[in-house]
Structures are given as structure tokens and as C-alpha cells.
């Protein structure tokens, strides 16, 4: 499975779910398991980066819409919607 750097979060998560399913198979060969694990780690990093970007976008939008929202986000560390 080649890594698709333009894949959406949902597509990356679906691929990660597929990898986990394959890794849970009792018949998987070691070499294949290692390769799938590597791919899975890359997908996890991709999903984390996409989530971080989305969070930054939401924070910026909250700052623009309501300057006081940043203080609330800093206290709660969650998006207020």
C-alpha cells in the first residue's frame, strides 16, 4: 500500500482500520506484519497532522469570530462547539 500524502483524514483512518484488521489476523507473516506496522505508523502521523491543522484552523476562526474565545479555548483546550 503506497502512502497517499493527499489522502483525507477519513481515507487515512479507513486505511489504518484495514491495517489493524490485517495485523490482528493469526496467519500474517512477520515480514508483512512489519511492513503493515510501518504503514500504520505513517498513517497515524498523517492523521495527527491533519487533526492538528484542523484544530489550528478552528482556533483561528474562533479568534476571528470572537476574540475572547481564545481564552476559553486555552482554559478548556477544546473547541466550543
N, C-alpha and C. Protein backbone atom coordinates (compact mmCIF):
# COMPACT_ATOMS: atom_id res chain seq x y z
N UNK A 1 0.85 -1.17 0.00
CA UNK A 1 0.00 0.00 0.00
C UNK A 1 0.90 1.23 0.00
N UNK A 2 0.84 2.03 -1.04
CA UNK A 2 1.63 3.24 -1.13
C UNK A 2 0.96 4.35 -0.34
N UNK A 3 1.78 5.15 0.34
CA UNK A 3 1.23 6.25 1.12
C UNK A 3 0.75 7.35 0.20
N UNK A 4 -0.46 7.82 0.43
CA UNK A 4 -1.03 8.90 -0.35
C UNK A 4 -1.04 10.14 0.52
N UNK A 5 -0.10 11.06 0.27
CA UNK A 5 0.05 12.24 1.11
C UNK A 5 -1.10 13.22 0.97
N UNK A 6 -1.95 13.04 -0.04
CA UNK A 6 -3.09 13.94 -0.20
C UNK A 6 -4.39 13.29 0.29
N UNK A 7 -4.29 12.11 0.89
CA UNK A 7 -5.48 11.41 1.35
C UNK A 7 -6.15 12.20 2.47
N UNK A 8 -7.46 12.17 2.48
CA UNK A 8 -8.21 12.85 3.52
C UNK A 8 -8.02 12.12 4.85
N UNK A 9 -8.44 12.79 5.91
CA UNK A 9 -8.39 12.17 7.24
C UNK A 9 -9.21 10.88 7.23
N UNK A 10 -10.42 10.97 6.67
CA UNK A 10 -11.30 9.80 6.65
C UNK A 10 -10.70 8.64 5.88
N UNK A 11 -10.07 8.93 4.73
CA UNK A 11 -9.44 7.87 3.94
C UNK A 11 -8.26 7.28 4.68
N UNK A 12 -7.48 8.14 5.33
CA UNK A 12 -6.33 7.65 6.10
C UNK A 12 -6.79 6.79 7.27
N UNK A 13 -7.84 7.22 7.95
CA UNK A 13 -8.36 6.44 9.07
C UNK A 13 -8.92 5.10 8.60
N UNK A 14 -9.58 5.10 7.46
CA UNK A 14 -10.10 3.83 6.91
C UNK A 14 -8.95 2.88 6.57
N UNK A 15 -7.88 3.42 5.99
CA UNK A 15 -6.71 2.59 5.68
C UNK A 15 -6.09 2.05 6.96
N UNK A 16 -6.03 2.88 7.98
CA UNK A 16 -5.47 2.45 9.26
C UNK A 16 -6.31 1.34 9.87
N UNK A 17 -7.61 1.47 9.78
CA UNK A 17 -8.51 0.43 10.29
C UNK A 17 -8.29 -0.89 9.55
N UNK A 18 -8.11 -0.80 8.25
CA UNK A 18 -7.84 -2.00 7.44
C UNK A 18 -6.53 -2.66 7.86
N UNK A 19 -5.53 -1.84 8.12
CA UNK A 19 -4.23 -2.36 8.54
C UNK A 19 -4.35 -3.08 9.88
N UNK A 20 -5.07 -2.48 10.81
CA UNK A 20 -5.27 -3.10 12.13
C UNK A 20 -5.95 -4.46 11.97
N UNK A 21 -6.95 -4.52 11.13
CA UNK A 21 -7.66 -5.78 10.89
C UNK A 21 -6.69 -6.84 10.36
N UNK A 22 -5.84 -6.45 9.41
CA UNK A 22 -4.88 -7.40 8.86
C UNK A 22 -3.86 -7.84 9.91
N UNK A 23 -3.43 -6.89 10.75
CA UNK A 23 -2.44 -7.23 11.78
C UNK A 23 -3.02 -8.16 12.84
N UNK A 24 -4.32 -8.11 13.03
CA UNK A 24 -4.98 -8.99 14.00
C UNK A 24 -5.16 -10.42 13.49
N UNK A 25 -4.89 -10.63 12.21
CA UNK A 25 -5.03 -11.97 11.63
C UNK A 25 -3.96 -12.90 12.20
N UNK A 26 -4.35 -14.09 12.61
CA UNK A 26 -3.36 -15.02 13.16
C UNK A 26 -2.42 -15.61 12.09
N UNK A 27 -2.78 -15.46 10.84
CA UNK A 27 -1.99 -16.07 9.76
C UNK A 27 -1.00 -15.11 9.11
N UNK A 28 -0.83 -13.92 9.63
CA UNK A 28 0.02 -12.93 8.98
C UNK A 28 1.50 -13.30 9.16
N UNK A 29 2.25 -13.14 8.09
CA UNK A 29 3.68 -13.42 8.13
C UNK A 29 4.40 -12.23 8.76
N UNK A 30 5.51 -12.50 9.39
CA UNK A 30 6.26 -11.48 10.11
C UNK A 30 6.65 -10.30 9.22
N UNK A 31 7.20 -10.58 8.05
CA UNK A 31 7.63 -9.52 7.15
C UNK A 31 6.45 -8.62 6.76
N UNK A 32 5.32 -9.22 6.48
CA UNK A 32 4.11 -8.47 6.14
C UNK A 32 3.63 -7.64 7.33
N UNK A 33 3.69 -8.24 8.52
CA UNK A 33 3.27 -7.52 9.72
C UNK A 33 4.15 -6.30 9.98
N UNK A 34 5.43 -6.44 9.79
CA UNK A 34 6.35 -5.32 9.99
C UNK A 34 6.06 -4.21 8.97
N UNK A 35 5.83 -4.60 7.74
CA UNK A 35 5.51 -3.61 6.70
C UNK A 35 4.19 -2.89 7.01
N UNK A 36 3.20 -3.64 7.42
CA UNK A 36 1.90 -3.04 7.77
C UNK A 36 2.04 -2.12 8.98
N UNK A 37 2.85 -2.52 9.95
CA UNK A 37 3.07 -1.68 11.12
C UNK A 37 3.70 -0.35 10.71
N UNK A 38 4.69 -0.40 9.84
CA UNK A 38 5.34 0.82 9.34
C UNK A 38 4.32 1.72 8.65
N UNK A 39 3.51 1.12 7.79
CA UNK A 39 2.48 1.89 7.09
C UNK A 39 1.49 2.49 8.09
N UNK A 40 1.14 1.71 9.10
CA UNK A 40 0.21 2.19 10.12
C UNK A 40 0.77 3.38 10.88
N UNK A 41 2.04 3.33 11.23
CA UNK A 41 2.68 4.44 11.95
C UNK A 41 2.67 5.70 11.06
N UNK A 42 2.91 5.54 9.78
CA UNK A 42 2.87 6.68 8.86
C UNK A 42 1.46 7.27 8.79
N UNK A 43 0.46 6.40 8.77
CA UNK A 43 -0.93 6.88 8.74
C UNK A 43 -1.31 7.58 10.04
N UNK A 44 -0.85 7.05 11.16
CA UNK A 44 -1.12 7.71 12.44
C UNK A 44 -0.52 9.11 12.44
N UNK A 45 0.71 9.23 11.97
CA UNK A 45 1.35 10.55 11.90
C UNK A 45 0.58 11.48 10.97
N UNK A 46 0.11 10.96 9.86
CA UNK A 46 -0.69 11.76 8.91
C UNK A 46 -1.99 12.22 9.56
N UNK A 47 -2.69 11.32 10.23
CA UNK A 47 -3.95 11.68 10.89
C UNK A 47 -3.71 12.73 11.97
N UNK A 48 -2.65 12.55 12.75
CA UNK A 48 -2.34 13.53 13.79
C UNK A 48 -2.06 14.90 13.20
N UNK A 49 -1.32 14.93 12.09
CA UNK A 49 -1.01 16.21 11.43
C UNK A 49 -2.29 16.86 10.89
N UNK A 50 -3.16 16.07 10.31
CA UNK A 50 -4.43 16.60 9.79
C UNK A 50 -5.30 17.14 10.92
N UNK A 51 -5.34 16.42 12.03
CA UNK A 51 -6.12 16.89 13.18
C UNK A 51 -5.54 18.18 13.75
N UNK A 52 -4.22 18.26 13.81
CA UNK A 52 -3.58 19.48 14.32
C UNK A 52 -3.90 20.67 13.42
N UNK A 53 -3.83 20.45 12.12
CA UNK A 53 -4.16 21.51 11.17
C UNK A 53 -5.61 21.95 11.31
N UNK A 54 -6.50 21.00 11.46
CA UNK A 54 -7.92 21.32 11.63
C UNK A 54 -8.14 22.11 12.92
N UNK A 55 -7.48 21.71 13.98
CA UNK A 55 -7.61 22.42 15.25
C UNK A 55 -7.10 23.85 15.13
N UNK A 56 -5.96 24.03 14.46
CA UNK A 56 -5.42 25.37 14.27
C UNK A 56 -6.36 26.23 13.43
N UNK A 57 -6.97 25.63 12.42
CA UNK A 57 -7.94 26.36 11.60
C UNK A 57 -9.14 26.79 12.42
N UNK A 58 -9.64 25.88 13.25
CA UNK A 58 -10.79 26.21 14.10
C UNK A 58 -10.43 27.28 15.13
N UNK A 59 -9.25 27.20 15.69
CA UNK A 59 -8.82 28.23 16.64
C UNK A 59 -8.72 29.59 15.96
N UNK A 60 -8.17 29.61 14.75
CA UNK A 60 -8.05 30.87 14.01
C UNK A 60 -9.43 31.43 13.69
N UNK A 61 -10.35 30.57 13.33
CA UNK A 61 -11.71 31.01 13.03
C UNK A 61 -12.39 31.55 14.29
N UNK A 62 -12.15 30.88 15.41
CA UNK A 62 -12.72 31.34 16.68
C UNK A 62 -12.13 32.69 17.06
N UNK A 63 -10.84 32.89 16.83
CA UNK A 63 -10.20 34.17 17.13
C UNK A 63 -10.80 35.29 16.29
N UNK A 64 -11.07 35.00 15.04
CA UNK A 64 -11.63 35.99 14.13
C UNK A 64 -13.07 36.32 14.51
N UNK A 65 -13.84 35.29 14.84
CA UNK A 65 -15.26 35.48 15.14
C UNK A 65 -15.47 36.10 16.51
N UNK A 66 -14.71 35.66 17.49
CA UNK A 66 -14.88 36.15 18.86
C UNK A 66 -13.53 36.15 19.55
N UNK A 67 -12.86 37.30 19.64
CA UNK A 67 -11.53 37.34 20.24
C UNK A 67 -11.45 36.74 21.63
N UNK A 68 -12.50 36.79 22.41
CA UNK A 68 -12.50 36.21 23.75
C UNK A 68 -12.54 34.70 23.75
N UNK A 69 -12.86 34.09 22.62
CA UNK A 69 -12.96 32.63 22.55
C UNK A 69 -11.60 31.97 22.76
N UNK A 70 -10.52 32.65 22.42
CA UNK A 70 -9.19 32.07 22.60
C UNK A 70 -8.92 31.78 24.06
N UNK A 71 -9.30 32.69 24.94
CA UNK A 71 -9.07 32.46 26.36
C UNK A 71 -9.84 31.24 26.84
N UNK A 72 -11.06 31.08 26.38
CA UNK A 72 -11.85 29.91 26.76
C UNK A 72 -11.22 28.64 26.23
N UNK A 73 -10.70 28.68 25.01
CA UNK A 73 -10.04 27.50 24.44
C UNK A 73 -8.79 27.16 25.23
N UNK A 74 -8.04 28.15 25.63
CA UNK A 74 -6.82 27.89 26.38
C UNK A 74 -7.16 27.23 27.72
N UNK A 75 -8.25 27.64 28.35
CA UNK A 75 -8.64 27.04 29.63
C UNK A 75 -9.15 25.63 29.46
N UNK A 76 -10.00 25.41 28.49
CA UNK A 76 -10.65 24.12 28.33
C UNK A 76 -9.93 23.20 27.36
N UNK A 77 -9.10 23.78 26.49
CA UNK A 77 -8.39 23.05 25.46
C UNK A 77 -9.32 22.23 24.56
N UNK A 78 -10.53 22.72 24.38
CA UNK A 78 -11.47 22.10 23.46
C UNK A 78 -12.17 23.17 22.66
N UNK A 79 -12.59 22.81 21.48
CA UNK A 79 -13.31 23.72 20.62
C UNK A 79 -14.72 23.88 21.19
N UNK A 80 -15.22 25.13 21.30
CA UNK A 80 -16.51 25.35 21.99
C UNK A 80 -17.75 25.09 21.13
N UNK A 81 -17.73 24.08 20.27
CA UNK A 81 -18.94 23.74 19.52
C UNK A 81 -18.93 22.30 19.13
